[in-house]
Amino acid sequence: MKAAAIVIASAVALAACGEKPQTIGSGIKQDSTAYSGTGSNFTAPGWKAGDRTSWEQELKARAQGGQNEYNKVSKR
């Protein structure tokens, strides 16, 4: 009974050793500008891929509207 528990515990402990190495050459390529887009259909309405000024306007609107905690808290 104790031997089976030891075998099970060591099998569980060794299961964590099977992680694949994460290398730089993993297929992600980021050599384009941020405002050029990703080719995905999931974009913010009003944003045009490849237009730097519309990209900057969307970032400003996101920072002021949705991600600024000071705007979310009600002022007393």
N, C-alpha and C. Protein backbone atom coordinates (compact mmCIF):
# COMPACT_ATOMS: atom_id res chain seq x y z
N MET A 1 0.82 -1.19 0.00
CA MET A 1 0.00 0.00 0.00
C MET A 1 0.87 1.25 0.00
N LYS A 2 1.92 1.26 0.86
CA LYS A 2 2.80 2.42 0.91
C LYS A 2 3.60 2.56 -0.38
N ALA A 3 3.99 1.43 -0.95
CA ALA A 3 4.77 1.47 -2.19
C ALA A 3 3.95 2.05 -3.34
N ALA A 4 2.66 1.71 -3.37
CA ALA A 4 1.80 2.24 -4.42
C ALA A 4 1.63 3.75 -4.27
N ALA A 5 1.54 4.22 -3.02
CA ALA A 5 1.40 5.66 -2.78
C ALA A 5 2.67 6.39 -3.19
N ILE A 6 3.82 5.78 -2.94
CA ILE A 6 5.09 6.39 -3.33
C ILE A 6 5.20 6.45 -4.85
N VAL A 7 4.80 5.39 -5.54
CA VAL A 7 4.85 5.36 -7.00
C VAL A 7 3.92 6.42 -7.58
N ILE A 8 2.73 6.54 -7.04
CA ILE A 8 1.77 7.54 -7.54
C ILE A 8 2.28 8.95 -7.28
N ALA A 9 2.84 9.20 -6.09
CA ALA A 9 3.36 10.53 -5.76
C ALA A 9 4.54 10.89 -6.65
N SER A 10 5.41 9.95 -6.94
CA SER A 10 6.55 10.25 -7.80
C SER A 10 6.11 10.45 -9.26
N ALA A 11 5.07 9.74 -9.68
CA ALA A 11 4.56 9.94 -11.04
C ALA A 11 3.94 11.33 -11.19
N VAL A 12 3.23 11.78 -10.17
CA VAL A 12 2.64 13.12 -10.19
C VAL A 12 3.74 14.18 -10.17
N ALA A 13 4.78 13.96 -9.38
CA ALA A 13 5.88 14.92 -9.29
C ALA A 13 6.64 15.02 -10.61
N LEU A 14 6.81 13.89 -11.30
CA LEU A 14 7.54 13.91 -12.57
C LEU A 14 6.69 14.41 -13.73
N ALA A 15 5.40 14.46 -13.57
CA ALA A 15 4.53 14.94 -14.64
C ALA A 15 4.75 16.42 -14.92
N ALA A 16 5.21 17.16 -13.94
CA ALA A 16 5.47 18.59 -14.12
C ALA A 16 6.73 18.85 -14.93
N CYS A 17 7.56 17.86 -15.14
CA CYS A 17 8.81 18.04 -15.86
C CYS A 17 8.65 17.98 -17.38
N GLY A 18 7.44 17.84 -17.88
CA GLY A 18 7.23 17.67 -19.30
C GLY A 18 6.94 18.94 -20.07
N GLU A 19 7.26 20.11 -19.54
CA GLU A 19 6.98 21.36 -20.24
C GLU A 19 7.94 21.54 -21.42
N LYS A 20 7.38 22.00 -22.53
CA LYS A 20 8.20 22.23 -23.72
C LYS A 20 8.99 23.53 -23.55
N PRO A 21 10.22 23.59 -24.05
CA PRO A 21 10.99 24.82 -23.94
C PRO A 21 10.40 25.93 -24.82
N GLN A 22 10.43 27.14 -24.32
CA GLN A 22 9.91 28.28 -25.06
C GLN A 22 11.09 29.07 -25.60
N THR A 23 11.25 29.03 -26.91
CA THR A 23 12.37 29.70 -27.53
C THR A 23 11.89 30.92 -28.29
N ILE A 24 12.82 31.75 -28.68
CA ILE A 24 12.49 32.98 -29.40
C ILE A 24 11.92 32.67 -30.77
N GLY A 25 12.41 31.67 -31.43
CA GLY A 25 11.95 31.33 -32.77
C GLY A 25 10.68 30.51 -32.76
N SER A 26 9.68 30.94 -32.01
CA SER A 26 8.46 30.15 -31.87
C SER A 26 7.42 30.49 -32.93
N GLY A 27 7.76 31.28 -33.92
CA GLY A 27 6.82 31.56 -35.00
C GLY A 27 6.15 32.91 -34.91
N ILE A 28 6.34 33.65 -33.83
CA ILE A 28 5.74 34.98 -33.71
C ILE A 28 6.67 35.98 -34.39
N LYS A 29 6.11 36.72 -35.31
CA LYS A 29 6.90 37.67 -36.07
C LYS A 29 6.32 39.06 -35.89
N GLN A 30 7.08 39.96 -35.31
CA GLN A 30 6.59 41.31 -35.05
C GLN A 30 7.55 42.33 -35.68
N ASP A 31 7.55 42.40 -36.98
CA ASP A 31 8.42 43.35 -37.63
C ASP A 31 7.64 44.42 -38.38
N SER A 32 6.37 44.57 -38.04
CA SER A 32 5.57 45.61 -38.67
C SER A 32 5.14 46.61 -37.60
N THR A 33 4.66 47.74 -38.04
CA THR A 33 4.22 48.76 -37.10
C THR A 33 2.94 48.33 -36.40
N ALA A 34 2.71 48.87 -35.24
CA ALA A 34 1.54 48.48 -34.44
C ALA A 34 0.24 48.90 -35.10
N TYR A 35 0.24 50.00 -35.80
CA TYR A 35 -0.99 50.51 -36.39
C TYR A 35 -1.33 49.85 -37.73
N SER A 36 -0.47 48.95 -38.21
CA SER A 36 -0.76 48.31 -39.49
C SER A 36 -1.83 47.23 -39.36
N GLY A 37 -2.12 46.79 -38.15
CA GLY A 37 -3.20 45.82 -37.94
C GLY A 37 -2.71 44.39 -37.98
N THR A 38 -3.63 43.48 -37.68
CA THR A 38 -3.29 42.06 -37.63
C THR A 38 -3.99 41.26 -38.71
N GLY A 39 -4.92 41.87 -39.41
CA GLY A 39 -5.69 41.15 -40.41
C GLY A 39 -6.92 40.49 -39.82
N SER A 40 -7.17 40.72 -38.55
CA SER A 40 -8.32 40.12 -37.88
C SER A 40 -9.56 40.98 -38.10
N ASN A 41 -10.72 40.34 -38.09
CA ASN A 41 -11.97 41.08 -38.23
C ASN A 41 -12.43 41.70 -36.92
N PHE A 42 -11.77 41.39 -35.84
CA PHE A 42 -12.16 41.89 -34.52
C PHE A 42 -11.41 43.17 -34.20
N THR A 43 -11.85 44.26 -34.75
CA THR A 43 -11.23 45.55 -34.51
C THR A 43 -12.28 46.52 -33.97
N ALA A 44 -11.80 47.59 -33.39
CA ALA A 44 -12.71 48.61 -32.85
C ALA A 44 -13.39 49.34 -34.00
N PRO A 45 -14.67 49.65 -33.85
CA PRO A 45 -15.35 50.39 -34.91
C PRO A 45 -14.75 51.79 -35.05
N GLY A 46 -14.51 52.18 -36.26
CA GLY A 46 -13.93 53.49 -36.53
C GLY A 46 -12.42 53.45 -36.75
N TRP A 47 -11.80 52.35 -36.41
CA TRP A 47 -10.36 52.23 -36.61
C TRP A 47 -10.08 51.65 -37.98
N LYS A 48 -9.16 52.28 -38.70
CA LYS A 48 -8.78 51.81 -40.03
C LYS A 48 -7.36 51.27 -39.96
N ALA A 49 -7.18 50.03 -40.36
CA ALA A 49 -5.85 49.41 -40.33
C ALA A 49 -4.92 50.14 -41.28
N GLY A 50 -3.73 50.47 -40.79
CA GLY A 50 -2.73 51.16 -41.60
C GLY A 50 -2.75 52.66 -41.44
N ASP A 51 -3.75 53.22 -40.77
CA ASP A 51 -3.85 54.67 -40.58
C ASP A 51 -3.36 55.01 -39.18
N ARG A 52 -2.21 55.65 -39.12
CA ARG A 52 -1.59 55.94 -37.82
C ARG A 52 -2.41 56.91 -36.99
N THR A 53 -3.00 57.92 -37.59
CA THR A 53 -3.76 58.90 -36.81
C THR A 53 -5.02 58.28 -36.21
N SER A 54 -5.71 57.42 -36.96
CA SER A 54 -6.89 56.79 -36.39
C SER A 54 -6.50 55.81 -35.28
N TRP A 55 -5.34 55.18 -35.41
CA TRP A 55 -4.83 54.28 -34.36
C TRP A 55 -4.55 55.06 -33.08
N GLU A 56 -3.89 56.23 -33.22
CA GLU A 56 -3.60 57.05 -32.05
C GLU A 56 -4.88 57.57 -31.40
N GLN A 57 -5.88 57.92 -32.20
CA GLN A 57 -7.15 58.39 -31.65
C GLN A 57 -7.86 57.27 -30.90
N GLU A 58 -7.81 56.06 -31.41
CA GLU A 58 -8.43 54.93 -30.71
C GLU A 58 -7.73 54.64 -29.39
N LEU A 59 -6.40 54.77 -29.36
CA LEU A 59 -5.68 54.56 -28.11
C LEU A 59 -6.04 55.62 -27.07
N LYS A 60 -6.17 56.87 -27.51
CA LYS A 60 -6.55 57.94 -26.59
C LYS A 60 -7.96 57.73 -26.07
N ALA A 61 -8.87 57.33 -26.94
CA ALA A 61 -10.26 57.09 -26.52
C ALA A 61 -10.34 55.92 -25.55
N ARG A 62 -9.56 54.88 -25.78
CA ARG A 62 -9.56 53.72 -24.89
C ARG A 62 -8.98 54.10 -23.52
N ALA A 63 -7.92 54.90 -23.54
CA ALA A 63 -7.29 55.29 -22.29
C ALA A 63 -8.21 56.19 -21.46
N GLN A 64 -8.95 57.07 -22.11
CA GLN A 64 -9.82 57.98 -21.38
C GLN A 64 -11.14 57.34 -20.98
N GLY A 65 -11.69 56.50 -21.83
CA GLY A 65 -13.02 55.96 -21.58
C GLY A 65 -13.04 54.69 -20.76
N GLY A 66 -12.37 53.67 -21.23
CA GLY A 66 -12.54 52.36 -20.62
C GLY A 66 -11.48 51.95 -19.64
N GLN A 67 -10.28 52.49 -19.74
CA GLN A 67 -9.20 52.00 -18.90
C GLN A 67 -8.73 53.00 -17.87
N ASN A 68 -9.35 54.16 -17.81
CA ASN A 68 -8.97 55.16 -16.84
C ASN A 68 -9.84 55.00 -15.60
N GLU A 69 -9.25 54.55 -14.52
CA GLU A 69 -10.01 54.28 -13.30
C GLU A 69 -10.56 55.55 -12.67
N TYR A 70 -9.92 56.68 -12.92
CA TYR A 70 -10.41 57.94 -12.34
C TYR A 70 -11.75 58.32 -12.96
N ASN A 71 -11.96 57.99 -14.22
CA ASN A 71 -13.24 58.29 -14.86
C ASN A 71 -14.33 57.32 -14.42
N LYS A 72 -13.97 56.12 -13.99
CA LYS A 72 -14.98 55.14 -13.59
C LYS A 72 -15.52 55.40 -12.19
N VAL A 73 -14.72 55.99 -11.31
CA VAL A 73 -15.13 56.23 -9.93
C VAL A 73 -16.02 57.46 -9.90
N SER A 74 -17.14 57.34 -9.21
CA SER A 74 -18.04 58.50 -9.13
C SER A 74 -17.42 59.57 -8.24
N LYS A 75 -17.55 60.79 -8.67
CA LYS A 75 -16.97 61.90 -7.93
C LYS A 75 -17.97 62.38 -6.89
N ARG A 76 -17.51 62.58 -5.70
CA ARG A 76 -18.39 63.01 -4.62
C ARG A 76 -18.23 64.45 -4.30
